[in-house]
N, C-alpha and C. Protein backbone atom coordinates (compact mmCIF):
# COMPACT_ATOMS: atom_id res chain seq x y z
N MET A 1 -15.48 46.93 -1.66
CA MET A 1 -15.00 45.63 -2.10
C MET A 1 -13.65 45.77 -2.80
N THR A 2 -12.69 44.99 -2.42
CA THR A 2 -11.40 45.07 -3.03
C THR A 2 -11.39 44.44 -4.39
N GLU A 3 -10.33 44.79 -5.20
CA GLU A 3 -10.24 44.20 -6.47
C GLU A 3 -10.11 42.74 -6.52
N ALA A 4 -9.33 42.16 -5.60
CA ALA A 4 -9.07 40.73 -5.47
C ALA A 4 -10.40 40.03 -5.15
N ARG A 5 -11.19 40.59 -4.24
CA ARG A 5 -12.49 40.03 -3.82
C ARG A 5 -13.45 40.11 -4.96
N GLU A 6 -13.47 41.18 -5.71
CA GLU A 6 -14.39 41.41 -6.83
C GLU A 6 -14.08 40.33 -7.94
N LYS A 7 -12.79 40.22 -8.14
CA LYS A 7 -12.30 39.23 -9.25
C LYS A 7 -12.81 37.75 -8.82
N ALA A 8 -12.58 37.40 -7.53
CA ALA A 8 -12.95 36.02 -7.11
C ALA A 8 -14.49 35.93 -7.18
N TRP A 9 -15.18 36.91 -6.79
CA TRP A 9 -16.64 36.76 -6.81
C TRP A 9 -17.18 36.66 -8.23
N GLU A 10 -16.62 37.44 -9.13
CA GLU A 10 -17.03 37.30 -10.59
C GLU A 10 -16.84 35.95 -11.11
N LEU A 11 -15.64 35.37 -10.83
CA LEU A 11 -15.22 34.12 -11.30
C LEU A 11 -16.20 33.01 -10.68
N LEU A 12 -16.52 33.12 -9.45
CA LEU A 12 -17.41 32.19 -8.79
C LEU A 12 -18.80 32.31 -9.36
N ARG A 13 -19.24 33.49 -9.63
CA ARG A 13 -20.64 33.64 -10.21
C ARG A 13 -20.70 33.13 -11.64
N ARG A 14 -19.56 33.13 -12.36
CA ARG A 14 -19.55 32.56 -13.67
C ARG A 14 -19.68 31.04 -13.68
N ASN A 15 -19.23 30.43 -12.56
CA ASN A 15 -19.17 28.96 -12.49
C ASN A 15 -20.20 28.35 -11.53
N VAL A 16 -20.79 29.21 -10.68
CA VAL A 16 -21.80 28.62 -9.77
C VAL A 16 -23.09 29.41 -9.86
N THR A 17 -24.22 28.70 -10.02
CA THR A 17 -25.52 29.26 -10.11
C THR A 17 -26.35 28.89 -8.85
N SER A 18 -26.03 27.79 -8.23
CA SER A 18 -26.84 27.30 -7.08
C SER A 18 -26.68 28.30 -5.98
N GLU A 19 -27.80 28.75 -5.48
CA GLU A 19 -27.79 29.74 -4.33
C GLU A 19 -27.18 29.10 -3.14
N ALA A 20 -27.47 27.66 -2.91
CA ALA A 20 -26.96 27.02 -1.76
C ALA A 20 -25.45 26.89 -1.71
N LEU A 21 -24.98 26.68 -2.94
CA LEU A 21 -23.44 26.63 -3.07
C LEU A 21 -22.82 27.89 -2.92
N LEU A 22 -23.46 28.91 -3.52
CA LEU A 22 -22.95 30.34 -3.31
C LEU A 22 -22.94 30.73 -1.85
N LYS A 23 -23.94 30.37 -1.08
CA LYS A 23 -24.02 30.66 0.39
C LYS A 23 -22.80 29.89 1.03
N HIS A 24 -22.62 28.67 0.72
CA HIS A 24 -21.55 27.90 1.36
C HIS A 24 -20.22 28.55 1.02
N CYS A 25 -19.99 28.95 -0.22
CA CYS A 25 -18.63 29.63 -0.54
C CYS A 25 -18.56 30.92 0.22
N LEU A 26 -19.56 31.66 0.34
CA LEU A 26 -19.55 32.90 1.11
C LEU A 26 -19.17 32.63 2.56
N ALA A 27 -19.79 31.65 3.16
CA ALA A 27 -19.57 31.33 4.55
C ALA A 27 -18.12 30.91 4.71
N SER A 28 -17.51 30.17 3.86
CA SER A 28 -16.23 29.70 3.82
C SER A 28 -15.30 30.95 3.72
N GLU A 29 -15.65 31.82 2.85
CA GLU A 29 -14.82 33.10 2.72
C GLU A 29 -14.76 33.87 4.06
N ILE A 30 -15.98 34.04 4.58
CA ILE A 30 -16.03 34.75 5.90
C ILE A 30 -15.12 34.09 6.97
N ALA A 31 -15.29 32.83 7.01
CA ALA A 31 -14.42 32.12 8.06
C ALA A 31 -12.95 32.20 7.76
N MET A 32 -12.58 32.06 6.53
CA MET A 32 -11.18 32.17 6.13
C MET A 32 -10.66 33.57 6.38
N ARG A 33 -11.46 34.57 6.09
CA ARG A 33 -11.00 35.93 6.37
C ARG A 33 -10.74 36.24 7.84
N ALA A 34 -11.75 35.67 8.64
CA ALA A 34 -11.65 35.86 10.17
C ALA A 34 -10.46 35.22 10.68
N TYR A 35 -10.19 33.97 10.25
CA TYR A 35 -9.02 33.30 10.77
C TYR A 35 -7.72 33.90 10.26
N ALA A 36 -7.70 34.32 9.05
CA ALA A 36 -6.48 35.08 8.53
C ALA A 36 -6.27 36.32 9.38
N GLU A 37 -7.20 37.04 9.64
CA GLU A 37 -6.94 38.21 10.57
C GLU A 37 -6.52 37.67 12.00
N LYS A 38 -7.12 36.72 12.58
CA LYS A 38 -6.72 36.23 13.81
C LYS A 38 -5.25 35.71 13.82
N PHE A 39 -4.87 35.06 12.79
CA PHE A 39 -3.42 34.55 12.71
C PHE A 39 -2.46 35.48 12.07
N GLY A 40 -2.89 36.68 11.73
CA GLY A 40 -1.98 37.67 11.07
C GLY A 40 -1.52 37.37 9.68
N GLN A 41 -2.45 36.73 8.97
CA GLN A 41 -2.17 36.31 7.56
C GLN A 41 -2.85 37.38 6.58
N ASP A 42 -2.72 37.05 5.35
CA ASP A 42 -3.17 37.85 4.23
C ASP A 42 -4.71 37.59 4.15
N VAL A 43 -5.47 38.58 4.57
CA VAL A 43 -6.98 38.39 4.68
C VAL A 43 -7.56 38.19 3.28
N GLU A 44 -7.13 38.99 2.34
CA GLU A 44 -7.69 38.95 0.95
C GLU A 44 -7.34 37.57 0.31
N TYR A 45 -6.12 37.15 0.44
CA TYR A 45 -5.70 35.88 -0.11
C TYR A 45 -6.53 34.70 0.49
N TRP A 46 -6.52 34.73 1.79
CA TRP A 46 -7.22 33.59 2.50
C TRP A 46 -8.73 33.62 2.20
N GLY A 47 -9.31 34.82 2.12
CA GLY A 47 -10.71 34.94 1.80
C GLY A 47 -11.05 34.49 0.39
N SER A 48 -10.10 34.79 -0.64
CA SER A 48 -10.35 34.31 -1.95
C SER A 48 -10.23 32.88 -2.04
N VAL A 49 -9.37 32.24 -1.33
CA VAL A 49 -9.24 30.75 -1.24
C VAL A 49 -10.55 30.19 -0.77
N GLY A 50 -11.08 30.72 0.33
CA GLY A 50 -12.45 30.34 0.89
C GLY A 50 -13.48 30.40 -0.13
N LEU A 51 -13.62 31.61 -0.71
CA LEU A 51 -14.65 31.91 -1.73
C LEU A 51 -14.63 30.90 -2.91
N LEU A 52 -13.47 30.63 -3.39
CA LEU A 52 -13.34 29.82 -4.64
C LEU A 52 -13.06 28.32 -4.44
N HIS A 53 -13.07 27.85 -3.17
CA HIS A 53 -12.70 26.49 -2.91
C HIS A 53 -13.62 25.48 -3.56
N ASP A 54 -14.85 25.85 -3.87
CA ASP A 54 -15.80 24.94 -4.61
C ASP A 54 -16.18 25.39 -5.97
N VAL A 55 -15.27 26.15 -6.62
CA VAL A 55 -15.55 26.75 -7.93
C VAL A 55 -15.93 25.76 -8.97
N ASP A 56 -15.46 24.55 -8.79
CA ASP A 56 -15.81 23.49 -9.92
C ASP A 56 -16.82 22.52 -9.41
N PHE A 57 -17.34 22.59 -8.25
CA PHE A 57 -18.22 21.66 -7.63
C PHE A 57 -19.54 21.43 -8.36
N GLU A 58 -20.20 22.55 -8.74
CA GLU A 58 -21.46 22.53 -9.41
C GLU A 58 -21.43 21.80 -10.76
N ARG A 59 -20.43 22.14 -11.55
CA ARG A 59 -20.28 21.50 -12.89
C ARG A 59 -19.63 20.17 -12.82
N PHE A 60 -18.81 19.82 -11.91
CA PHE A 60 -18.09 18.59 -11.84
C PHE A 60 -18.19 17.94 -10.36
N PRO A 61 -19.31 17.62 -9.77
CA PRO A 61 -19.42 17.26 -8.48
C PRO A 61 -18.73 15.91 -8.18
N HIS A 62 -18.57 15.08 -9.13
CA HIS A 62 -17.95 13.77 -8.85
C HIS A 62 -16.45 13.79 -9.19
N GLU A 63 -15.93 14.92 -9.64
CA GLU A 63 -14.55 15.05 -10.05
C GLU A 63 -13.87 16.26 -9.24
N HIS A 64 -14.73 16.80 -8.39
CA HIS A 64 -14.22 17.89 -7.52
C HIS A 64 -13.20 17.49 -6.54
N PRO A 65 -12.03 18.26 -6.42
CA PRO A 65 -11.73 19.61 -6.93
C PRO A 65 -10.86 19.60 -8.17
N HIS A 66 -10.88 18.50 -8.89
CA HIS A 66 -9.88 18.31 -9.96
C HIS A 66 -9.97 19.22 -11.19
N HIS A 67 -11.21 19.96 -11.32
CA HIS A 67 -11.27 20.89 -12.37
C HIS A 67 -11.01 22.34 -11.93
N ALA A 68 -10.80 22.50 -10.60
CA ALA A 68 -10.51 23.87 -10.09
C ALA A 68 -9.29 24.43 -10.72
N ARG A 69 -8.26 23.61 -11.00
CA ARG A 69 -7.07 24.05 -11.59
C ARG A 69 -7.31 24.75 -12.99
N GLU A 70 -8.04 24.13 -13.85
CA GLU A 70 -8.28 24.69 -15.20
C GLU A 70 -9.15 26.03 -15.09
N ILE A 71 -10.10 26.00 -14.19
CA ILE A 71 -10.89 27.19 -13.98
C ILE A 71 -10.16 28.38 -13.46
N LEU A 72 -9.36 28.00 -12.38
CA LEU A 72 -8.64 29.09 -11.71
C LEU A 72 -7.44 29.59 -12.54
N SER A 73 -6.80 28.67 -13.25
CA SER A 73 -5.75 29.01 -14.08
C SER A 73 -6.26 30.05 -15.21
N ALA A 74 -7.38 29.66 -15.78
CA ALA A 74 -7.89 30.52 -16.86
C ALA A 74 -8.30 31.88 -16.30
N GLY A 75 -8.56 31.93 -14.95
CA GLY A 75 -8.96 33.16 -14.33
C GLY A 75 -7.69 34.05 -13.84
N GLY A 76 -6.53 33.47 -14.19
CA GLY A 76 -5.25 34.21 -13.85
C GLY A 76 -4.65 33.99 -12.47
N TYR A 77 -5.17 32.91 -11.78
CA TYR A 77 -4.59 32.61 -10.47
C TYR A 77 -3.28 31.75 -10.63
N ALA A 78 -2.50 32.06 -9.64
CA ALA A 78 -1.11 31.43 -9.60
C ALA A 78 -1.26 29.97 -9.12
N ASP A 79 -0.30 29.17 -9.50
CA ASP A 79 -0.23 27.70 -9.08
C ASP A 79 -0.39 27.54 -7.55
N SER A 80 0.27 28.36 -6.76
CA SER A 80 0.20 28.22 -5.35
C SER A 80 -1.19 28.37 -4.83
N PHE A 81 -1.90 29.41 -5.39
CA PHE A 81 -3.28 29.69 -4.95
C PHE A 81 -4.15 28.45 -5.35
N ILE A 82 -3.93 27.93 -6.52
CA ILE A 82 -4.71 26.79 -6.99
C ILE A 82 -4.53 25.63 -6.09
N THR A 83 -3.20 25.35 -5.72
CA THR A 83 -2.87 24.28 -4.84
C THR A 83 -3.57 24.43 -3.48
N ASP A 84 -3.67 25.65 -2.96
CA ASP A 84 -4.32 25.96 -1.70
C ASP A 84 -5.80 25.59 -1.82
N VAL A 85 -6.42 25.96 -2.93
CA VAL A 85 -7.79 25.61 -3.18
C VAL A 85 -8.03 24.08 -3.20
N GLU A 86 -7.21 23.41 -3.95
CA GLU A 86 -7.39 21.97 -4.11
C GLU A 86 -7.10 21.23 -2.79
N SER A 87 -6.44 21.77 -1.93
CA SER A 87 -5.98 21.13 -0.68
C SER A 87 -7.17 20.72 0.21
N HIS A 88 -8.34 21.20 0.05
CA HIS A 88 -9.38 20.82 0.93
C HIS A 88 -10.00 19.45 0.58
N CYS A 89 -9.41 18.87 -0.52
CA CYS A 89 -9.85 17.51 -0.83
C CYS A 89 -9.40 16.52 0.30
N ARG A 90 -10.26 15.74 0.88
CA ARG A 90 -10.01 14.93 2.01
C ARG A 90 -8.88 13.94 1.72
N VAL A 91 -8.62 13.52 0.54
CA VAL A 91 -7.58 12.57 0.29
C VAL A 91 -6.18 13.22 -0.07
N TRP A 92 -6.05 14.42 0.30
CA TRP A 92 -4.80 15.17 0.08
C TRP A 92 -3.57 14.41 0.60
N ASP A 93 -2.62 14.23 -0.14
CA ASP A 93 -1.45 13.40 0.24
C ASP A 93 -0.22 14.13 0.79
N GLY A 94 -0.36 15.40 0.89
CA GLY A 94 0.84 16.14 1.40
C GLY A 94 0.53 16.82 2.74
N ASP A 95 1.58 17.35 3.29
CA ASP A 95 1.46 18.15 4.56
C ASP A 95 0.67 19.38 4.24
N ARG A 96 -0.27 19.75 5.07
CA ARG A 96 -1.07 20.95 4.96
C ARG A 96 -0.44 22.13 5.64
N SER A 97 -0.51 23.29 5.00
CA SER A 97 -0.08 24.53 5.61
C SER A 97 -1.18 25.00 6.64
N LEU A 98 -0.97 26.06 7.38
CA LEU A 98 -1.96 26.54 8.22
C LEU A 98 -3.19 27.01 7.46
N LEU A 99 -3.09 27.64 6.38
CA LEU A 99 -4.15 28.02 5.48
C LEU A 99 -4.94 26.78 5.09
N GLN A 100 -4.26 25.82 4.67
CA GLN A 100 -4.93 24.52 4.14
C GLN A 100 -5.71 23.81 5.29
N LYS A 101 -5.08 23.79 6.51
CA LYS A 101 -5.76 23.22 7.63
C LYS A 101 -6.98 23.92 8.02
N THR A 102 -6.89 25.30 7.89
CA THR A 102 -8.03 26.13 8.21
C THR A 102 -9.14 25.92 7.22
N LEU A 103 -8.87 25.85 5.94
CA LEU A 103 -9.82 25.69 4.96
C LEU A 103 -10.61 24.34 5.26
N LEU A 104 -9.86 23.37 5.49
CA LEU A 104 -10.44 22.04 5.80
C LEU A 104 -11.28 22.06 7.12
N ALA A 105 -10.87 22.89 8.06
CA ALA A 105 -11.64 22.99 9.37
C ALA A 105 -12.92 23.75 9.18
N VAL A 106 -12.94 24.75 8.24
CA VAL A 106 -14.06 25.70 8.22
C VAL A 106 -15.11 25.16 7.15
N ASP A 107 -14.63 24.32 6.21
CA ASP A 107 -15.38 23.96 5.05
C ASP A 107 -16.80 23.42 5.43
N GLU A 108 -16.95 22.38 6.23
CA GLU A 108 -18.22 21.80 6.65
C GLU A 108 -18.78 22.49 7.87
N MET A 109 -17.88 22.99 8.77
CA MET A 109 -18.35 23.58 10.02
C MET A 109 -19.15 24.69 9.87
N THR A 110 -18.85 25.59 8.91
CA THR A 110 -19.64 26.77 8.65
C THR A 110 -21.06 26.43 8.23
N GLY A 111 -21.22 25.36 7.39
CA GLY A 111 -22.56 24.87 6.97
C GLY A 111 -23.27 24.32 8.12
N PHE A 112 -22.67 23.59 9.04
CA PHE A 112 -23.31 23.06 10.14
C PHE A 112 -23.80 24.17 11.11
N ILE A 113 -23.06 25.18 11.29
CA ILE A 113 -23.47 26.33 12.11
C ILE A 113 -24.63 27.00 11.55
N ILE A 114 -24.66 27.23 10.29
CA ILE A 114 -25.72 27.87 9.64
C ILE A 114 -26.96 26.99 9.74
N ALA A 115 -26.81 25.68 9.53
CA ALA A 115 -27.99 24.79 9.70
C ALA A 115 -28.54 24.88 11.08
N CYS A 116 -27.63 25.05 12.10
CA CYS A 116 -28.10 25.15 13.55
C CYS A 116 -28.90 26.46 13.63
N ALA A 117 -28.49 27.47 12.97
CA ALA A 117 -29.31 28.75 13.07
C ALA A 117 -30.62 28.69 12.37
N LEU A 118 -30.67 27.99 11.18
CA LEU A 118 -31.91 27.87 10.42
C LEU A 118 -33.03 27.11 11.12
N VAL A 119 -32.71 26.24 12.08
CA VAL A 119 -33.78 25.50 12.74
C VAL A 119 -34.31 26.20 13.98
N ARG A 120 -33.62 27.35 14.24
CA ARG A 120 -34.10 28.14 15.45
C ARG A 120 -35.27 29.01 15.07
N PRO A 121 -36.24 29.29 16.04
CA PRO A 121 -37.43 30.08 15.60
C PRO A 121 -37.03 31.45 15.06
N ASP A 122 -35.92 32.14 15.52
CA ASP A 122 -35.55 33.39 15.05
C ASP A 122 -34.61 33.36 13.75
N ARG A 123 -34.16 32.11 13.44
CA ARG A 123 -33.30 31.94 12.25
C ARG A 123 -32.20 32.95 12.28
N SER A 124 -31.48 33.09 13.41
CA SER A 124 -30.55 34.08 13.58
C SER A 124 -29.19 33.51 13.98
N LEU A 125 -28.11 33.96 13.34
CA LEU A 125 -26.78 33.69 13.79
C LEU A 125 -26.36 34.39 15.01
N GLU A 126 -26.96 35.62 15.09
CA GLU A 126 -26.58 36.48 16.26
C GLU A 126 -27.07 35.92 17.58
N GLN A 127 -28.06 35.24 17.60
CA GLN A 127 -28.65 34.59 18.82
C GLN A 127 -28.25 33.18 19.05
N LEU A 128 -27.62 32.64 18.07
CA LEU A 128 -27.05 31.23 18.18
C LEU A 128 -25.97 31.09 19.23
N GLU A 129 -26.24 30.21 20.17
CA GLU A 129 -25.26 30.01 21.25
C GLU A 129 -24.42 28.73 20.97
N VAL A 130 -23.18 28.80 21.44
CA VAL A 130 -22.26 27.66 21.20
C VAL A 130 -22.84 26.36 21.75
N LYS A 131 -23.45 26.49 22.97
CA LYS A 131 -24.03 25.30 23.59
C LYS A 131 -25.13 24.69 22.65
N SER A 132 -25.81 25.47 21.87
CA SER A 132 -26.78 24.93 20.95
C SER A 132 -26.10 24.15 19.81
N VAL A 133 -25.05 24.65 19.35
CA VAL A 133 -24.29 23.92 18.27
C VAL A 133 -23.80 22.68 18.86
N MET A 134 -23.22 22.71 20.01
CA MET A 134 -22.68 21.49 20.63
C MET A 134 -23.76 20.47 20.87
N LYS A 135 -24.95 20.87 21.16
CA LYS A 135 -26.07 19.93 21.40
C LYS A 135 -26.44 19.30 20.12
N LYS A 136 -26.42 20.04 19.07
CA LYS A 136 -26.69 19.52 17.66
C LYS A 136 -25.59 18.60 17.25
N MET A 137 -24.40 18.75 17.67
CA MET A 137 -23.31 17.85 17.35
C MET A 137 -23.56 16.48 17.82
N LYS A 138 -24.24 16.38 18.92
CA LYS A 138 -24.61 15.15 19.59
C LYS A 138 -25.79 14.49 18.96
N ASP A 139 -26.63 15.19 18.26
CA ASP A 139 -27.84 14.81 17.70
C ASP A 139 -27.59 14.24 16.33
N LYS A 140 -27.44 12.92 16.25
CA LYS A 140 -27.06 12.24 15.02
C LYS A 140 -28.12 12.36 13.88
N GLY A 141 -29.40 12.69 14.31
CA GLY A 141 -30.38 12.85 13.29
C GLY A 141 -30.39 14.24 12.69
N PHE A 142 -29.67 15.22 13.29
CA PHE A 142 -29.61 16.52 12.71
C PHE A 142 -28.39 16.50 11.71
N ALA A 143 -28.65 17.09 10.53
CA ALA A 143 -27.59 17.16 9.52
C ALA A 143 -26.83 15.79 9.50
N ARG A 144 -27.56 14.73 9.35
CA ARG A 144 -26.94 13.39 9.40
C ARG A 144 -25.87 13.07 8.45
N ALA A 145 -25.81 13.84 7.33
CA ALA A 145 -24.76 13.59 6.32
C ALA A 145 -23.41 14.23 6.72
N VAL A 146 -23.40 15.03 7.79
CA VAL A 146 -22.20 15.72 8.24
C VAL A 146 -21.40 14.72 9.19
N ASN A 147 -20.16 14.39 8.88
CA ASN A 147 -19.38 13.61 9.72
C ASN A 147 -18.81 14.40 10.89
N ARG A 148 -19.35 14.15 12.01
CA ARG A 148 -18.84 14.97 13.15
C ARG A 148 -17.47 14.84 13.55
N GLU A 149 -16.79 13.67 13.23
CA GLU A 149 -15.42 13.41 13.46
C GLU A 149 -14.58 14.37 12.46
N THR A 150 -15.06 14.53 11.34
CA THR A 150 -14.36 15.51 10.45
C THR A 150 -14.36 16.88 10.96
N LEU A 151 -15.52 17.29 11.52
CA LEU A 151 -15.52 18.69 12.12
C LEU A 151 -14.59 18.83 13.23
N THR A 152 -14.57 17.88 14.23
CA THR A 152 -13.68 18.08 15.33
C THR A 152 -12.17 17.86 14.97
N GLN A 153 -11.96 16.95 14.05
CA GLN A 153 -10.61 16.68 13.62
C GLN A 153 -10.00 17.92 12.96
N GLY A 154 -10.81 18.68 12.11
CA GLY A 154 -10.34 19.94 11.51
C GLY A 154 -9.85 20.90 12.49
N ALA A 155 -10.59 21.10 13.52
CA ALA A 155 -10.13 22.12 14.62
C ALA A 155 -8.89 21.55 15.22
N ALA A 156 -8.81 20.30 15.53
CA ALA A 156 -7.67 19.73 16.26
C ALA A 156 -6.40 19.89 15.31
N GLU A 157 -6.59 19.71 14.09
CA GLU A 157 -5.39 19.83 13.17
C GLU A 157 -4.90 21.24 13.06
N MET A 158 -5.80 22.22 13.32
CA MET A 158 -5.40 23.64 13.38
C MET A 158 -4.80 23.94 14.70
N GLY A 159 -4.96 23.10 15.70
CA GLY A 159 -4.46 23.37 17.01
C GLY A 159 -5.42 24.33 17.79
N VAL A 160 -6.69 24.29 17.48
CA VAL A 160 -7.74 25.14 18.07
C VAL A 160 -8.73 24.25 18.91
N ASP A 161 -9.07 24.60 20.09
CA ASP A 161 -10.08 23.84 20.85
C ASP A 161 -11.36 23.89 20.01
N PHE A 162 -12.07 22.77 20.05
CA PHE A 162 -13.26 22.66 19.16
C PHE A 162 -14.41 23.65 19.60
N THR A 163 -14.67 23.82 20.87
CA THR A 163 -15.57 24.77 21.41
C THR A 163 -15.23 26.18 21.01
N GLU A 164 -13.94 26.54 21.10
CA GLU A 164 -13.55 27.88 20.73
C GLU A 164 -13.69 28.11 19.19
N HIS A 165 -13.43 27.02 18.45
CA HIS A 165 -13.57 27.07 16.96
C HIS A 165 -15.01 27.40 16.60
N VAL A 166 -15.87 26.72 17.27
CA VAL A 166 -17.32 26.94 17.05
C VAL A 166 -17.73 28.31 17.42
N ALA A 167 -17.27 28.81 18.56
CA ALA A 167 -17.57 30.14 19.03
C ALA A 167 -17.06 31.21 18.10
N PHE A 168 -15.79 31.01 17.64
CA PHE A 168 -15.16 31.91 16.75
C PHE A 168 -15.96 32.04 15.41
N LEU A 169 -16.22 30.93 14.82
CA LEU A 169 -16.89 30.86 13.56
C LEU A 169 -18.32 31.43 13.66
N THR A 170 -18.97 31.09 14.71
CA THR A 170 -20.35 31.62 14.84
C THR A 170 -20.48 33.06 15.00
N GLN A 171 -19.48 33.66 15.78
CA GLN A 171 -19.40 35.13 15.93
C GLN A 171 -18.92 35.81 14.61
N SER A 172 -17.96 35.16 13.90
CA SER A 172 -17.54 35.68 12.66
C SER A 172 -18.69 35.77 11.58
N LEU A 173 -19.42 34.72 11.50
CA LEU A 173 -20.55 34.65 10.52
C LEU A 173 -21.59 35.63 10.98
N ALA A 174 -21.92 35.75 12.19
CA ALA A 174 -22.95 36.69 12.69
C ALA A 174 -22.63 38.15 12.40
N THR A 175 -21.31 38.42 12.56
CA THR A 175 -20.81 39.83 12.27
C THR A 175 -20.79 40.06 10.79
N ALA A 176 -20.31 39.16 9.96
CA ALA A 176 -20.20 39.42 8.52
C ALA A 176 -21.48 39.51 7.78
N VAL A 177 -22.56 38.85 8.20
CA VAL A 177 -23.82 38.85 7.41
C VAL A 177 -24.41 40.19 7.35
N LYS A 178 -23.92 41.11 8.17
CA LYS A 178 -24.50 42.50 8.13
C LYS A 178 -23.78 43.44 7.13
N GLN A 179 -22.60 42.90 6.55
CA GLN A 179 -21.84 43.66 5.68
C GLN A 179 -22.44 43.65 4.27
N PRO A 180 -22.28 44.68 3.54
CA PRO A 180 -22.88 44.83 2.12
C PRO A 180 -22.44 43.68 1.19
N GLU A 181 -21.27 43.23 1.20
CA GLU A 181 -20.91 42.17 0.25
C GLU A 181 -21.55 40.86 0.44
N TYR A 182 -22.29 40.70 1.60
CA TYR A 182 -22.94 39.52 1.93
C TYR A 182 -24.45 39.65 1.82
N GLN A 183 -24.92 40.73 1.32
CA GLN A 183 -26.35 40.98 1.13
C GLN A 183 -26.92 40.47 -0.17
N GLU A 184 -26.08 40.39 -1.24
CA GLU A 184 -26.56 39.94 -2.58
C GLU A 184 -27.09 38.50 -2.48
N VAL A 185 -26.42 37.69 -1.71
CA VAL A 185 -26.84 36.29 -1.55
C VAL A 185 -26.77 36.03 0.01
N PRO A 186 -27.76 36.44 0.73
CA PRO A 186 -27.75 36.34 2.20
C PRO A 186 -27.56 34.85 2.70
N LEU A 187 -26.74 34.72 3.68
CA LEU A 187 -26.48 33.40 4.25
C LEU A 187 -27.67 32.78 4.86
N ILE A 188 -28.56 33.59 5.46
CA ILE A 188 -29.73 33.04 6.13
C ILE A 188 -30.87 33.85 5.60
């Protein structure tokens, strides 16, 4: 585990106790790291943004992400990093960078993919097929709180085909869950 990842994980653990929220943050980290590598970007930076994107959600769910700045600033994070974390707020009024578009695109999509794996008899990301996720996208009764348009729009804003996005995230999550840093709070 790198020093940057360890620092981010410790800050997250000080501010988040919910296992479900920790799992969500870990899934977002995995996705951001995978896309950073794919796009030739800073994997540690992108991963830390993904890991800490909901650092204030548990304590301030109705004011999220507006308390992230004070938490991250106290943790020694730079303003540009904090801005990247805050950017996943749906009412963002500025142009989004590639990192910020990616964070928005993976935020809910990772949770949807994990939900798809959890309803399978084997509860496995490794065996989850893209066609199964696409079928669940059409099933409005499944994960009904998830806005499907938000999921597809996120991939479109990144310039990535939605089916390819689902395949990439599913494979990234399936590969990462075997790594030691994702064993403390397993995604599945």
